[in-house]
Amino acid sequence: MANILVVDDEIGIRELLSEILSDEGHAVAIAENAAAARAMRLREPPDLVLLDIWMPDTDGVTLLKEWASNGQLTMPVIMMSGHATIDTAVEATRFGALDFLEKPIALQRLLTAVKSGLERGRLIRNLRAAGVSTTAKNEAAPVADGVAVGAAENGALKTNASTAAAGVSLDQPLREARDQFERVYFEYHLARESFSMTRVADRAGLERTHLYRKLKQLGVELARGGRRVERAAPGLGDGGAISGAVGGAIGGAISGADNAGDGADAGRRDNDTE
């Protein structure tokens, strides 16, 4: 279960998203404007924020920039809007937004974005706890409290090897220490390569099938973004062109590379069984 904050000035959207996410087992808090969102963020930082762009007092992009500049962007933020342009959506990702959902929001698109956002937040917390730097290589984008604000655009994270090694306790059996190090190692490279199994396998020097087995053994979860599902939630409808443009830019190339690698692995497994 995760704590999710929904910020939207439309009561119908707040109630509908709250109902859907509560049914998924999450604890949902709602805010009708930026002032209420600020107060809730200070009282109890959420694991994920769904933030509307167009609001009467302070718009969502301005609030996002405020959190980033004040070092308060410690959680993934997914932007929402039914009227924003592609430029607005891209600007939001530059300032730290992980994803963009265009209203009316498709149900599976919503659930996929939330799952990916929570997984990214968990990964960042694990890397920070292990002493790994999560500063984005994109120098033009602001960075808030160790969250890679530019990661949605370039997926690139950098690390300090000595601090990463220091995150593994040496006062434990070798097997446990090795598993802990491998978990941190693979989580770091998955984030750096935007969860591309092909690129992680190449970097680690492993076959993809071996890598899949290793990640399953270590309990490392996978998350992919940018995939669209057409079935819509009642009252939400299907996502539109802006969501497709931003989601495709973030995850389309990743999914394509991974699917190609999956097909190649499947062919090799067939040959091995003959």
Protein backbone atom coordinates (compact mmCIF):
# COMPACT_ATOMS: atom_id res chain seq x y z
CA MET A 1 0.00 0.00 0.00
CA ALA A 2 1.24 3.48 -0.84
CA ASN A 3 0.24 6.99 0.19
CA ILE A 4 -0.93 8.90 -2.90
CA LEU A 5 -1.88 12.57 -3.05
CA VAL A 6 -4.39 13.63 -5.74
CA VAL A 7 -4.41 17.38 -6.48
CA ASP A 8 -7.22 18.59 -8.76
CA ASP A 9 -9.72 21.46 -8.55
CA GLU A 10 -12.53 19.31 -10.00
CA ILE A 11 -14.32 17.40 -7.25
CA GLY A 12 -15.54 14.73 -9.68
CA ILE A 13 -11.98 13.90 -10.78
CA ARG A 14 -10.73 13.86 -7.18
CA GLU A 15 -13.47 11.49 -6.06
CA LEU A 16 -13.14 9.17 -9.06
CA LEU A 17 -9.35 8.86 -8.82
CA SER A 18 -9.60 8.39 -5.06
CA GLU A 19 -12.11 5.56 -5.52
CA ILE A 20 -10.04 3.80 -8.20
CA LEU A 21 -6.77 4.03 -6.28
CA SER A 22 -8.41 3.04 -2.98
CA ASP A 23 -9.77 -0.07 -4.69
CA GLU A 24 -6.16 -0.86 -5.64
CA GLY A 25 -5.24 -0.84 -1.94
CA HIS A 26 -3.65 2.61 -1.68
CA ALA A 27 -4.26 5.29 0.94
CA VAL A 28 -5.43 8.37 -0.96
CA ALA A 29 -5.40 12.00 0.19
CA ILE A 30 -7.06 14.71 -1.93
CA ALA A 31 -6.36 18.42 -2.30
CA GLU A 32 -8.46 20.91 -4.26
CA ASN A 33 -5.68 23.46 -4.87
CA ALA A 34 -1.96 24.17 -4.51
CA ALA A 35 -2.30 25.61 -1.01
CA ALA A 36 -3.94 22.43 0.29
CA ALA A 37 -1.32 20.33 -1.54
CA ARG A 38 1.51 22.27 0.13
CA ALA A 39 0.00 21.68 3.56
CA MET A 40 -0.47 17.97 2.97
CA ARG A 41 3.05 17.63 1.56
CA LEU A 42 4.50 19.21 4.69
CA ARG A 43 2.30 17.20 7.07
CA GLU A 44 3.04 13.82 5.53
CA PRO A 45 5.14 13.49 2.35
CA PRO A 46 3.32 11.14 -0.04
CA ASP A 47 4.84 8.28 -2.01
CA LEU A 48 3.34 9.68 -5.25
CA VAL A 49 1.49 12.80 -6.39
CA LEU A 50 -1.07 13.09 -9.19
CA LEU A 51 -1.03 16.81 -9.97
CA ASP A 52 -3.44 18.71 -12.21
CA ILE A 53 -1.87 21.46 -14.33
CA TRP A 54 -4.72 23.97 -14.59
CA MET A 55 -5.88 25.14 -11.14
CA PRO A 56 -7.36 28.49 -10.11
CA ASP A 57 -4.78 29.80 -7.63
CA THR A 58 -1.42 28.27 -8.56
CA ASP A 59 -1.06 25.99 -11.57
CA GLY A 60 0.50 22.55 -11.27
CA VAL A 61 3.70 23.32 -13.19
CA THR A 62 4.39 26.32 -10.91
CA LEU A 63 3.86 24.13 -7.84
CA LEU A 64 6.15 21.50 -9.33
CA LYS A 65 8.89 24.09 -9.90
CA GLU A 66 8.39 25.37 -6.35
CA TRP A 67 8.87 21.90 -4.86
CA ALA A 68 11.94 21.35 -7.04
CA SER A 69 13.60 24.66 -6.13
CA ASN A 70 12.87 24.15 -2.40
CA GLY A 71 14.29 20.63 -2.31
CA GLN A 72 10.84 19.16 -1.63
CA LEU A 73 10.53 17.05 -4.77
CA THR A 74 11.30 13.82 -2.91
CA MET A 75 8.45 11.85 -4.49
CA PRO A 76 7.47 11.05 -8.09
CA VAL A 77 4.94 13.47 -9.60
CA ILE A 78 2.58 12.59 -12.46
CA MET A 79 0.96 15.57 -14.17
CA MET A 80 -2.67 15.58 -15.43
CA SER A 81 -4.55 17.91 -17.76
CA GLY A 82 -7.26 18.01 -20.36
CA HIS A 83 -6.16 21.31 -21.90
CA ALA A 84 -2.36 21.41 -21.83
CA THR A 85 -0.20 21.55 -24.95
CA ILE A 86 2.66 19.21 -25.76
CA ASP A 87 5.09 22.01 -24.86
CA THR A 88 3.53 22.26 -21.40
CA ALA A 89 3.81 18.52 -20.89
CA VAL A 90 7.47 18.48 -21.94
CA GLU A 91 8.20 21.46 -19.68
CA ALA A 92 6.69 19.57 -16.76
CA THR A 93 8.99 16.59 -17.37
CA ARG A 94 11.98 18.95 -17.49
CA PHE A 95 11.15 20.20 -14.02
CA GLY A 96 10.71 16.78 -12.45
CA ALA A 97 7.42 15.24 -13.59
CA LEU A 98 7.78 11.51 -14.15
CA ASP A 99 4.84 11.18 -16.54
CA PHE A 100 1.90 13.05 -18.05
CA LEU A 101 -1.71 11.87 -18.24
CA GLU A 102 -4.13 13.59 -20.58
CA LYS A 103 -7.76 13.78 -19.49
CA PRO A 104 -9.94 11.87 -19.98
CA ILE A 105 -7.57 9.26 -18.54
CA ALA A 106 -7.66 5.62 -19.61
CA LEU A 107 -7.98 3.28 -16.61
CA GLN A 108 -5.05 1.02 -17.48
CA ARG A 109 -2.94 4.03 -18.46
CA LEU A 110 -3.58 5.46 -15.00
CA LEU A 111 -2.78 2.21 -13.20
CA THR A 112 0.37 1.63 -15.27
CA ALA A 113 1.63 5.16 -14.61
CA VAL A 114 0.95 4.84 -10.88
CA LYS A 115 2.72 1.48 -10.68
CA SER A 116 5.75 2.81 -12.56
CA GLY A 117 5.83 5.94 -10.42
CA LEU A 118 5.75 4.01 -7.16
CA GLU A 119 8.45 1.63 -8.41
CA ARG A 120 10.66 4.56 -9.44
CA GLY A 121 10.16 6.17 -6.02
CA ARG A 122 11.09 2.92 -4.26
CA LEU A 123 14.18 2.55 -6.42
CA ILE A 124 15.35 6.10 -5.72
CA ARG A 125 14.88 5.57 -1.96
CA ASN A 126 16.89 2.33 -2.10
CA LEU A 127 19.70 3.97 -4.05
CA ARG A 128 19.78 6.91 -1.64
CA ALA A 129 19.87 4.54 1.35
CA ALA A 130 22.78 2.66 -0.26
CA GLY A 131 24.72 5.89 -0.68
CA VAL A 132 24.37 6.03 -4.48
CA SER A 133 24.16 9.44 -6.12
CA THR A 134 20.88 9.97 -7.98
CA THR A 135 21.86 13.20 -9.70
CA ALA A 136 20.75 13.37 -13.31
CA LYS A 137 23.31 13.96 -16.06
CA ASN A 138 20.99 16.54 -17.57
CA GLU A 139 22.63 19.68 -16.18
CA ALA A 140 19.91 21.97 -17.57
CA ALA A 141 17.18 20.42 -15.46
CA PRO A 142 16.89 21.32 -11.76
CA VAL A 143 17.53 18.59 -9.21
CA ALA A 144 15.57 18.43 -5.96
CA ASP A 145 16.76 16.52 -2.87
CA GLY A 146 18.54 13.80 -4.82
CA VAL A 147 15.64 13.01 -7.18
CA ALA A 148 16.79 12.85 -10.80
CA VAL A 149 14.49 15.48 -12.28
CA GLY A 150 15.80 14.91 -15.80
CA ALA A 151 15.52 11.12 -15.56
CA ALA A 152 12.15 11.10 -17.38
CA GLU A 153 13.89 12.50 -20.45
CA ASN A 154 17.29 10.79 -20.45
CA GLY A 155 17.00 8.03 -17.82
CA ALA A 156 20.65 8.58 -16.94
CA LEU A 157 21.89 8.34 -13.35
CA LYS A 158 25.48 8.44 -12.17
CA THR A 159 27.09 6.82 -9.15
CA ASN A 160 30.08 6.90 -6.86
CA ALA A 161 31.40 3.33 -6.62
CA SER A 162 33.02 3.76 -3.23
CA THR A 163 29.86 5.06 -1.57
CA ALA A 164 27.81 2.31 -3.23
CA ALA A 165 30.12 -0.34 -1.77
CA ALA A 166 29.87 1.36 1.61
CA GLY A 167 26.12 0.77 1.55
CA VAL A 168 26.69 -3.00 1.89
CA SER A 169 27.33 -4.22 5.43
CA LEU A 170 30.49 -6.30 5.66
CA ASP A 171 29.42 -7.77 9.03
CA GLN A 172 27.28 -10.45 7.41
CA PRO A 173 27.83 -13.79 5.65
CA LEU A 174 29.36 -13.54 2.17
CA ARG A 175 26.25 -14.82 0.41
CA GLU A 176 24.00 -12.16 2.00
CA ALA A 177 26.54 -9.40 1.31
CA ARG A 178 26.89 -10.51 -2.30
CA ASP A 179 23.12 -10.64 -2.82
CA GLN A 180 22.74 -7.18 -1.30
CA PHE A 181 25.45 -5.75 -3.53
CA GLU A 182 24.01 -7.40 -6.64
CA ARG A 183 20.55 -6.04 -5.81
CA VAL A 184 21.90 -2.48 -5.52
CA TYR A 185 24.01 -2.99 -8.66
CA PHE A 186 21.12 -4.14 -10.83
CA GLU A 187 18.64 -1.59 -9.45
CA TYR A 188 21.12 1.16 -10.25
CA HIS A 189 21.72 -0.01 -13.82
CA LEU A 190 18.00 -0.61 -14.44
CA ALA A 191 17.34 3.00 -13.47
CA ARG A 192 20.29 4.27 -15.49
CA GLU A 193 19.20 2.37 -18.60
CA SER A 194 15.48 3.19 -18.13
CA PHE A 195 14.66 -0.47 -17.38
CA SER A 196 16.01 -1.70 -20.74
CA MET A 197 16.86 -5.36 -20.19
CA THR A 198 18.92 -5.44 -23.39
CA ARG A 199 21.25 -2.61 -22.32
CA VAL A 200 21.53 -3.86 -18.71
CA ALA A 201 22.40 -7.35 -19.92
CA ASP A 202 25.10 -5.93 -22.22
CA ARG A 203 26.55 -3.78 -19.45
CA ALA A 204 26.55 -6.66 -16.94
CA GLY A 205 27.95 -9.14 -19.47
CA LEU A 206 25.05 -11.56 -19.04
CA GLU A 207 22.63 -13.32 -21.34
CA ARG A 208 19.15 -11.80 -21.08
CA THR A 209 17.64 -15.08 -19.89
CA HIS A 210 20.30 -15.33 -17.17
CA LEU A 211 19.62 -11.70 -16.21
CA TYR A 212 15.86 -12.35 -15.89
CA ARG A 213 16.53 -15.33 -13.61
CA LYS A 214 19.02 -13.34 -11.54
CA LEU A 215 16.60 -10.43 -11.03
CA LYS A 216 13.81 -12.81 -10.04
CA GLN A 217 16.14 -14.54 -7.58
CA LEU A 218 17.16 -11.21 -6.04
CA GLY A 219 13.55 -9.98 -5.85
CA VAL A 220 14.22 -6.97 -8.08
CA GLU A 221 10.99 -5.70 -9.63
CA LEU A 222 10.77 -4.36 -13.16
CA ALA A 223 8.82 -1.27 -14.28
CA ARG A 224 8.25 0.09 -17.74
CA GLY A 225 6.45 3.25 -18.81
CA GLY A 226 4.98 4.71 -21.93
CA ARG A 227 2.59 1.89 -22.86
CA ARG A 228 -0.99 2.75 -23.73
CA VAL A 229 -4.03 0.54 -23.05
CA GLU A 230 -7.28 1.44 -24.73
CA ARG A 231 -9.85 0.27 -22.13
CA ALA A 232 -11.04 3.32 -20.22
CA ALA A 233 -12.39 3.79 -16.71
CA PRO A 234 -16.05 4.80 -16.42
CA GLY A 235 -16.15 8.56 -16.74
CA LEU A 236 -12.48 8.83 -17.68
CA GLY A 237 -12.36 7.79 -21.36
CA ASP A 238 -9.26 7.28 -23.50
CA GLY A 239 -5.98 9.19 -23.40
CA GLY A 240 -5.18 11.60 -26.25
CA ALA A 241 -2.37 12.90 -28.41
CA ILE A 242 -0.39 14.74 -25.73
CA SER A 243 -0.19 11.71 -23.46
CA GLY A 244 0.86 9.59 -26.42
CA ALA A 245 3.58 12.04 -27.41
CA VAL A 246 5.06 12.34 -23.92
CA GLY A 247 4.56 8.69 -22.98
CA GLY A 248 6.02 7.58 -26.29
CA ALA A 249 9.04 9.84 -25.84
CA ILE A 250 9.70 8.46 -22.37
CA GLY A 251 9.05 4.78 -22.96
CA GLY A 252 8.51 3.93 -26.63
CA ALA A 253 12.14 3.32 -27.52
CA ILE A 254 12.66 1.33 -24.32
CA SER A 255 9.73 -0.99 -25.02
CA GLY A 256 10.82 -1.50 -28.62
CA ALA A 257 14.37 -2.45 -27.67
CA ASP A 258 13.19 -4.80 -24.96
CA ASN A 259 10.61 -6.50 -27.18
CA ALA A 260 13.23 -7.11 -29.86
CA GLY A 261 15.53 -8.63 -27.28
CA ASP A 262 12.71 -10.81 -25.92
CA GLY A 263 12.06 -12.22 -29.40
CA ALA A 264 15.74 -13.03 -29.88
CA ASP A 265 15.89 -14.82 -26.52
CA ALA A 266 12.75 -16.80 -27.32
CA GLY A 267 14.36 -17.97 -30.58
CA ARG A 268 17.50 -19.10 -28.79
CA ARG A 269 15.47 -21.03 -26.23
CA ASP A 270 13.57 -22.82 -29.03
CA ASN A 271 16.82 -23.85 -30.68
CA ASP A 272 18.19 -25.11 -27.37
CA THR A 273 15.21 -27.43 -26.87
CA GLU A 274 15.37 -29.01 -30.33
